[in-house]
N, C-alpha and C. Protein backbone atom coordinates (compact mmCIF):
# COMPACT_ATOMS: atom_id res chain seq x y z
N MET A 1 22.40 19.32 -1.46
CA MET A 1 21.56 19.66 -0.32
C MET A 1 20.23 18.93 -0.46
N LYS A 2 19.81 18.28 0.61
CA LYS A 2 18.54 17.57 0.62
C LYS A 2 17.40 18.55 0.87
N LYS A 3 16.26 18.25 0.26
CA LYS A 3 15.05 19.02 0.52
C LYS A 3 14.04 18.08 1.16
N VAL A 4 13.59 18.45 2.36
CA VAL A 4 12.64 17.64 3.11
C VAL A 4 11.39 18.45 3.35
N GLN A 5 10.23 17.83 3.13
CA GLN A 5 8.96 18.49 3.38
C GLN A 5 8.17 17.65 4.39
N VAL A 6 7.53 18.34 5.33
CA VAL A 6 6.61 17.70 6.25
C VAL A 6 5.23 18.22 5.87
N VAL A 7 4.41 17.32 5.35
CA VAL A 7 3.08 17.68 4.86
C VAL A 7 2.07 17.31 5.93
N GLY A 8 1.33 18.31 6.40
CA GLY A 8 0.32 18.09 7.42
C GLY A 8 -0.21 19.41 7.94
N PRO A 9 -1.33 19.36 8.67
CA PRO A 9 -2.01 20.59 9.08
C PRO A 9 -1.36 21.34 10.24
N GLY A 10 -0.29 20.80 10.80
CA GLY A 10 0.34 21.48 11.94
C GLY A 10 -0.08 20.90 13.27
N CYS A 11 -0.58 19.67 13.25
CA CYS A 11 -0.98 19.00 14.48
C CYS A 11 0.26 18.67 15.32
N LYS A 12 0.06 18.13 16.50
CA LYS A 12 1.19 17.81 17.38
C LYS A 12 2.16 16.82 16.72
N ARG A 13 1.63 15.81 16.03
CA ARG A 13 2.51 14.84 15.37
C ARG A 13 3.30 15.49 14.25
N CYS A 14 2.67 16.38 13.50
CA CYS A 14 3.37 17.08 12.41
C CYS A 14 4.49 17.95 12.97
N GLU A 15 4.18 18.69 14.02
CA GLU A 15 5.18 19.55 14.63
C GLU A 15 6.33 18.73 15.24
N ALA A 16 5.98 17.63 15.90
CA ALA A 16 7.01 16.78 16.50
C ALA A 16 7.89 16.16 15.41
N THR A 17 7.29 15.78 14.29
CA THR A 17 8.06 15.21 13.18
C THR A 17 9.00 16.26 12.62
N PHE A 18 8.53 17.48 12.44
CA PHE A 18 9.36 18.58 11.94
C PHE A 18 10.54 18.80 12.88
N GLU A 19 10.28 18.86 14.18
CA GLU A 19 11.36 19.09 15.15
C GLU A 19 12.34 17.92 15.18
N MET A 20 11.83 16.70 15.04
CA MET A 20 12.69 15.53 15.02
C MET A 20 13.64 15.59 13.81
N LEU A 21 13.11 15.98 12.67
CA LEU A 21 13.94 16.12 11.46
C LEU A 21 15.00 17.19 11.65
N ARG A 22 14.61 18.35 12.20
CA ARG A 22 15.58 19.43 12.42
C ARG A 22 16.67 19.00 13.38
N SER A 23 16.28 18.36 14.47
CA SER A 23 17.24 17.93 15.48
C SER A 23 18.21 16.91 14.91
N GLU A 24 17.70 15.94 14.17
CA GLU A 24 18.56 14.90 13.60
C GLU A 24 19.49 15.48 12.54
N ALA A 25 19.00 16.43 11.75
CA ALA A 25 19.85 17.07 10.73
C ALA A 25 21.01 17.81 11.40
N ARG A 26 20.72 18.50 12.50
CA ARG A 26 21.79 19.20 13.24
C ARG A 26 22.79 18.21 13.80
N LYS A 27 22.28 17.12 14.39
CA LYS A 27 23.13 16.11 15.01
C LYS A 27 24.06 15.47 13.96
N LEU A 28 23.51 15.21 12.77
CA LEU A 28 24.30 14.58 11.71
C LEU A 28 25.15 15.57 10.92
N GLY A 29 24.85 16.87 11.08
CA GLY A 29 25.56 17.88 10.30
C GLY A 29 25.16 17.85 8.83
N THR A 30 23.94 17.39 8.56
CA THR A 30 23.44 17.26 7.19
C THR A 30 23.00 18.60 6.64
N ASP A 31 23.40 18.88 5.41
CA ASP A 31 22.98 20.09 4.71
C ASP A 31 21.59 19.83 4.15
N VAL A 32 20.57 20.40 4.79
CA VAL A 32 19.19 20.08 4.45
C VAL A 32 18.30 21.31 4.61
N VAL A 33 17.30 21.40 3.75
CA VAL A 33 16.25 22.41 3.88
C VAL A 33 15.00 21.65 4.28
N ILE A 34 14.42 22.02 5.41
CA ILE A 34 13.21 21.36 5.89
C ILE A 34 12.08 22.39 5.88
N GLU A 35 11.01 22.04 5.19
CA GLU A 35 9.88 22.97 5.13
C GLU A 35 8.58 22.28 5.51
N LYS A 36 7.66 23.08 6.03
CA LYS A 36 6.33 22.60 6.39
C LYS A 36 5.38 22.94 5.24
N VAL A 37 4.52 22.00 4.91
CA VAL A 37 3.43 22.25 3.96
C VAL A 37 2.16 22.14 4.79
N THR A 38 1.57 23.30 5.15
CA THR A 38 0.42 23.31 6.05
C THR A 38 -0.85 23.86 5.42
N ASP A 39 -0.75 24.33 4.20
CA ASP A 39 -1.93 24.86 3.52
C ASP A 39 -2.88 23.71 3.19
N TYR A 40 -4.12 23.81 3.64
CA TYR A 40 -5.08 22.72 3.48
C TYR A 40 -5.33 22.34 2.02
N VAL A 41 -5.34 23.30 1.14
CA VAL A 41 -5.54 23.00 -0.29
C VAL A 41 -4.35 22.20 -0.82
N GLU A 42 -3.14 22.59 -0.46
CA GLU A 42 -1.94 21.87 -0.89
C GLU A 42 -1.91 20.46 -0.29
N ILE A 43 -2.28 20.34 0.98
CA ILE A 43 -2.32 19.03 1.63
C ILE A 43 -3.31 18.13 0.91
N ALA A 44 -4.50 18.65 0.63
CA ALA A 44 -5.53 17.85 -0.05
C ALA A 44 -5.06 17.42 -1.43
N ARG A 45 -4.46 18.33 -2.19
CA ARG A 45 -3.93 17.98 -3.52
C ARG A 45 -2.88 16.90 -3.42
N PHE A 46 -1.95 17.09 -2.51
CA PHE A 46 -0.85 16.15 -2.34
C PHE A 46 -1.38 14.77 -1.95
N CYS A 47 -2.23 14.73 -0.93
CA CYS A 47 -2.73 13.45 -0.43
C CYS A 47 -3.60 12.74 -1.46
N SER A 48 -4.43 13.46 -2.19
CA SER A 48 -5.25 12.80 -3.20
C SER A 48 -4.40 12.32 -4.37
N LYS A 49 -3.38 13.06 -4.73
CA LYS A 49 -2.51 12.67 -5.84
C LYS A 49 -1.79 11.35 -5.55
N PHE A 50 -1.37 11.16 -4.29
CA PHE A 50 -0.60 9.98 -3.93
C PHE A 50 -1.40 8.95 -3.13
N GLY A 51 -2.70 9.19 -2.93
CA GLY A 51 -3.53 8.23 -2.22
C GLY A 51 -3.22 8.11 -0.74
N ILE A 52 -2.78 9.18 -0.14
CA ILE A 52 -2.41 9.18 1.28
C ILE A 52 -3.61 9.63 2.10
N VAL A 53 -3.86 8.92 3.21
CA VAL A 53 -5.03 9.24 4.01
C VAL A 53 -4.71 9.81 5.39
N SER A 54 -3.44 9.77 5.81
CA SER A 54 -3.12 10.34 7.12
C SER A 54 -1.79 11.07 7.09
N THR A 55 -1.68 12.03 7.97
CA THR A 55 -0.47 12.85 8.07
C THR A 55 0.17 12.57 9.42
N PRO A 56 1.41 12.96 9.60
CA PRO A 56 2.27 13.70 8.69
C PRO A 56 2.84 12.82 7.59
N VAL A 57 3.14 13.48 6.49
CA VAL A 57 3.82 12.84 5.37
C VAL A 57 5.20 13.47 5.29
N VAL A 58 6.22 12.65 5.13
CA VAL A 58 7.58 13.15 4.99
C VAL A 58 8.05 12.84 3.58
N VAL A 59 8.51 13.89 2.90
CA VAL A 59 8.99 13.77 1.53
C VAL A 59 10.45 14.21 1.52
N VAL A 60 11.33 13.34 1.01
CA VAL A 60 12.75 13.66 0.93
C VAL A 60 13.14 13.67 -0.55
N ASP A 61 13.58 14.83 -1.01
CA ASP A 61 13.99 15.00 -2.41
C ASP A 61 12.94 14.47 -3.37
N GLY A 62 11.66 14.80 -3.09
CA GLY A 62 10.56 14.44 -3.98
C GLY A 62 10.02 13.04 -3.82
N LYS A 63 10.58 12.25 -2.90
CA LYS A 63 10.15 10.87 -2.68
C LYS A 63 9.48 10.75 -1.32
N ILE A 64 8.27 10.17 -1.29
CA ILE A 64 7.58 9.95 -0.03
C ILE A 64 8.29 8.84 0.72
N VAL A 65 8.72 9.15 1.95
CA VAL A 65 9.42 8.15 2.76
C VAL A 65 8.60 7.72 3.97
N HIS A 66 7.54 8.48 4.29
CA HIS A 66 6.74 8.17 5.47
C HIS A 66 5.37 8.82 5.35
N ALA A 67 4.34 8.11 5.83
CA ALA A 67 2.99 8.69 5.87
C ALA A 67 2.26 8.16 7.08
N GLY A 68 1.72 9.06 7.88
CA GLY A 68 0.91 8.71 9.04
C GLY A 68 1.71 8.35 10.28
N GLY A 69 1.38 8.99 11.39
CA GLY A 69 2.04 8.70 12.65
C GLY A 69 3.45 9.26 12.73
N MET A 70 4.06 9.00 13.88
CA MET A 70 5.42 9.51 14.11
C MET A 70 6.45 8.54 13.52
N PRO A 71 7.41 9.07 12.79
CA PRO A 71 8.49 8.21 12.32
C PRO A 71 9.43 7.86 13.47
N LYS A 72 10.16 6.79 13.31
CA LYS A 72 11.16 6.39 14.30
C LYS A 72 12.45 7.18 14.05
N ALA A 73 13.18 7.46 15.12
CA ALA A 73 14.43 8.23 15.01
C ALA A 73 15.42 7.57 14.06
N GLN A 74 15.49 6.22 14.08
CA GLN A 74 16.42 5.52 13.18
C GLN A 74 16.06 5.77 11.72
N GLU A 75 14.76 5.83 11.43
CA GLU A 75 14.31 6.08 10.06
C GLU A 75 14.75 7.48 9.62
N VAL A 76 14.55 8.44 10.50
CA VAL A 76 14.90 9.83 10.20
C VAL A 76 16.40 9.93 9.90
N ALA A 77 17.22 9.30 10.71
CA ALA A 77 18.67 9.32 10.51
C ALA A 77 19.01 8.70 9.16
N LYS A 78 18.34 7.62 8.79
CA LYS A 78 18.59 6.97 7.50
C LYS A 78 18.21 7.89 6.34
N TRP A 79 17.05 8.55 6.43
CA TRP A 79 16.60 9.44 5.36
C TRP A 79 17.57 10.59 5.16
N LEU A 80 18.05 11.15 6.26
CA LEU A 80 18.92 12.32 6.17
C LEU A 80 20.36 11.96 5.89
N GLY A 81 20.77 10.77 6.27
CA GLY A 81 22.14 10.36 6.11
C GLY A 81 22.47 9.81 4.74
N SER A 82 21.47 9.31 4.03
CA SER A 82 21.75 8.70 2.73
C SER A 82 21.66 9.66 1.58
């Protein structure tokens, strides 16, 4: 089972990214747990640790696959399908 995290304060882009991941996981039938990381202290720790300056950040199985702006649907399918 894949573990996916969307790191961000809950802005429109973060919410849209979360929904895009959920929708694509359903479409692909992927066994995945998707969680939001919205606590500002956790976001600050995470972003400073990895040198990230913009959200949303998408983490798949502990690996950062995207940071800043909306991901493309093809990217999401690749992350969840592999």
